[in-house]
Protein backbone atom coordinates (compact mmCIF):
# COMPACT_ATOMS: atom_id res chain seq x y z
CA MET A 1 -5.81 19.69 -0.66
CA ILE A 2 -5.67 17.66 -3.84
CA ILE A 3 -4.83 14.00 -4.33
CA ARG A 4 -3.10 13.27 -7.62
CA ARG A 5 -0.79 10.84 -9.35
CA GLU A 6 2.90 11.40 -8.64
CA LYS A 7 5.03 13.14 -11.27
CA LYS A 8 8.75 12.76 -11.91
CA GLY A 9 9.45 16.11 -10.24
CA ASP A 10 7.80 14.82 -7.03
CA PHE A 11 10.39 12.13 -6.21
CA ASN A 12 12.51 14.21 -3.80
CA SER A 13 9.44 15.50 -1.96
CA ILE A 14 8.02 11.97 -1.68
CA ASN A 15 11.33 10.75 -0.27
CA ASP A 16 11.32 13.61 2.24
CA VAL A 17 7.73 12.86 3.36
CA ASN A 18 8.61 9.21 3.97
CA LYS A 19 11.88 10.00 5.77
CA GLN A 20 10.13 12.46 8.09
CA ALA A 21 7.13 10.21 8.72
CA PHE A 22 9.14 7.05 9.44
CA LYS A 23 12.33 8.69 10.78
CA GLN A 24 14.45 6.39 8.60
CA ASN A 25 15.32 5.78 4.94
CA ASN A 26 13.86 2.27 4.51
CA GLU A 27 10.54 3.37 3.01
CA SER A 28 12.17 5.87 0.63
CA GLU A 29 14.52 3.14 -0.59
CA LEU A 30 11.58 0.74 -0.99
CA ILE A 31 9.75 3.31 -3.14
CA LYS A 32 12.82 3.75 -5.37
CA ARG A 33 13.15 -0.03 -5.83
CA ILE A 34 9.46 -0.49 -6.60
CA ARG A 35 9.45 2.46 -8.99
CA ALA A 36 12.29 0.80 -10.95
CA SER A 37 10.52 -2.59 -11.10
CA LYS A 38 7.88 -4.23 -13.25
CA ASN A 39 5.57 -4.22 -10.22
CA PHE A 40 5.26 -0.43 -10.20
CA ILE A 41 1.86 0.97 -11.19
CA PRO A 42 2.26 4.70 -11.94
CA ASP A 43 -1.47 5.37 -11.53
CA LEU A 44 -1.32 3.99 -7.99
CA SER A 45 1.46 6.19 -6.63
CA LEU A 46 -0.53 9.12 -5.26
CA VAL A 47 0.42 12.30 -3.44
CA ALA A 48 -1.52 14.67 -1.22
CA GLU A 49 -0.66 18.26 -2.09
CA VAL A 50 -1.48 21.56 -0.35
CA ASN A 51 -0.52 24.86 -1.98
CA GLY A 52 1.94 23.08 -4.27
CA LYS A 53 3.66 21.22 -1.40
CA ILE A 54 3.53 17.44 -1.11
CA ILE A 55 2.46 16.48 2.40
CA GLY A 56 1.54 12.81 1.91
CA HIS A 57 2.11 9.78 -0.31
CA ILE A 58 0.64 6.31 -0.82
CA LEU A 59 1.90 3.51 -3.05
CA PHE A 60 0.22 0.33 -4.27
CA SER A 61 2.23 -2.24 -6.25
CA ASN A 62 1.74 -5.72 -7.68
CA ILE A 63 2.22 -8.79 -5.50
CA ASN A 64 1.08 -12.41 -5.74
CA ILE A 65 -0.73 -14.80 -3.46
CA ILE A 66 0.74 -18.25 -4.01
CA GLY A 67 -1.68 -21.09 -3.35
CA VAL A 68 -3.57 -23.72 -5.27
CA GLU A 69 -3.43 -21.22 -8.09
CA ASP A 70 -1.42 -18.00 -8.15
CA TYR A 71 -3.45 -14.86 -7.71
CA GLU A 72 -2.42 -11.25 -8.38
CA SER A 73 -3.13 -8.68 -5.69
CA LEU A 74 -1.77 -5.31 -4.59
CA ALA A 75 0.46 -4.37 -1.68
CA LEU A 76 -0.24 -1.07 0.04
CA ALA A 77 3.22 0.06 1.13
CA PRO A 78 4.24 2.58 2.14
CA MET A 79 1.78 5.28 3.14
CA ALA A 80 3.15 8.41 4.80
CA VAL A 81 2.08 11.90 5.85
CA LEU A 82 4.38 14.66 7.09
CA PRO A 83 4.31 14.62 10.91
CA LYS A 84 2.79 18.11 11.27
CA PHE A 85 -0.11 17.07 9.01
CA GLN A 86 -0.83 13.72 10.68
CA LYS A 87 -4.15 13.04 12.42
CA LYS A 88 -5.95 15.46 10.11
CA GLY A 89 -7.55 12.89 7.74
CA ILE A 90 -4.91 13.13 5.01
CA GLY A 91 -3.89 9.48 5.28
CA GLY A 92 -7.56 8.57 5.15
CA ARG A 93 -8.08 10.57 1.98
CA LEU A 94 -5.01 8.93 0.41
CA ASN A 95 -6.31 5.48 1.36
CA LYS A 96 -9.82 6.09 0.06
CA GLU A 97 -8.61 7.61 -3.20
CA GLY A 98 -6.01 4.87 -3.71
CA LEU A 99 -8.53 2.07 -3.12
CA LYS A 100 -11.04 3.79 -5.42
CA LYS A 101 -8.41 4.16 -8.17
CA ALA A 102 -7.28 0.53 -7.76
CA ARG A 103 -10.90 -0.60 -8.12
CA GLU A 104 -11.35 1.58 -11.23
CA LEU A 105 -8.21 0.03 -12.75
CA GLY A 106 -9.69 -3.45 -12.29
CA TYR A 107 -7.67 -4.69 -9.32
CA ASN A 108 -9.55 -7.05 -7.03
CA SER A 109 -7.76 -6.94 -3.67
CA VAL A 110 -5.13 -5.23 -1.53
CA ILE A 111 -2.87 -6.57 1.22
CA VAL A 112 -1.28 -4.40 3.93
CA VAL A 113 0.85 -4.96 6.99
CA GLY A 114 -0.39 -2.19 9.19
CA HIS A 115 -2.05 -0.96 12.33
CA GLN A 116 -5.13 -2.98 13.31
CA ASP A 117 -6.93 0.12 14.58
CA TYR A 118 -6.31 2.20 11.45
CA TYR A 119 -6.86 0.15 8.29
CA PRO A 120 -10.17 -1.53 9.22
CA ARG A 121 -11.92 1.85 8.93
CA PHE A 122 -11.31 1.56 5.16
CA GLY A 123 -12.70 -1.98 4.99
CA PHE A 124 -9.55 -4.01 5.65
CA GLU A 125 -9.98 -7.23 7.61
CA ARG A 126 -7.57 -9.84 8.90
CA ALA A 127 -6.16 -11.69 5.89
CA SER A 128 -6.49 -14.91 7.87
CA LYS A 129 -10.26 -14.63 7.25
CA TRP A 130 -9.44 -15.84 3.72
CA LYS A 131 -6.60 -18.13 4.89
CA ILE A 132 -4.03 -15.79 3.38
CA LYS A 133 -0.72 -15.89 5.21
CA CYS A 134 2.20 -13.54 5.52
CA PRO A 135 5.63 -14.95 4.52
CA PHE A 136 7.22 -13.52 7.68
CA GLU A 137 6.30 -13.30 11.35
CA VAL A 138 3.65 -10.64 11.94
CA PRO A 139 0.70 -10.51 14.36
CA ASP A 140 -2.50 -11.79 12.74
CA LYS A 141 -4.29 -8.54 13.62
CA ALA A 142 -1.70 -6.53 11.64
CA PHE A 143 -1.79 -8.58 8.40
CA LEU A 144 -4.83 -7.24 6.60
CA ALA A 145 -6.64 -7.53 3.28
CA ILE A 146 -9.56 -5.95 1.48
CA GLU A 147 -11.63 -7.19 -1.42
CA LEU A 148 -12.14 -4.47 -4.02
CA LYS A 149 -14.58 -6.79 -5.77
CA ASP A 150 -16.98 -8.91 -3.71
CA GLY A 151 -15.73 -12.47 -3.35
CA ALA A 152 -12.34 -11.68 -4.90
CA LEU A 153 -10.40 -13.45 -2.14
CA THR A 154 -12.76 -16.38 -1.69
CA GLU A 155 -10.76 -19.59 -2.11
CA LYS A 156 -7.54 -17.66 -2.85
CA LEU A 157 -5.87 -19.09 0.25
CA GLY A 158 -2.11 -19.07 0.16
CA ILE A 159 1.00 -17.16 1.11
CA VAL A 160 1.69 -13.64 -0.09
CA GLU A 161 4.82 -13.47 -2.23
CA TYR A 162 6.42 -10.06 -1.96
CA PRO A 163 8.71 -9.16 -4.89
CA LYS A 164 12.45 -8.84 -4.30
CA GLU A 165 12.07 -5.04 -4.12
CA PHE A 166 10.64 -5.48 -0.62
CA GLY A 167 13.86 -7.11 0.56
CA ILE A 168 11.99 -9.84 2.40
CA GLU A 169 13.78 -13.16 2.61
CA VAL A 170 11.84 -16.18 3.81
């Protein structure tokens, strides 16, 4: 298996992975909207590929934390693996490689709304630790953040502002 940056010819396969993993179109539509926006970071849209077939995808895009001063961060959304390849470490490899690449590109933090038993294994902690709030109702244990640089979220308290591409109205 290789993890690599997405290419233009991958779009249909990425859509298919997300549709199969989530059993709906919402995530595929989100990816299309983010890809067409200024918040898209081509180097942070990664695919997992086996024998030329895309079996997983992860996307990080720009978001802001609005507080005393605005602070740029990344949203991890979505992350998907084809159902028959789930629970084999592929999502973990995508996460690790994505976080490593984000760090290399100079990003300081990542926010995710996700499963409290999954994301902490990659270093994510409750965002409330840094007094960072979600703009919509979500359990505290599912709203997570990670510092890619030590101390990056210290005193960055505020509310995450998701771009319009996420379709979140508050």
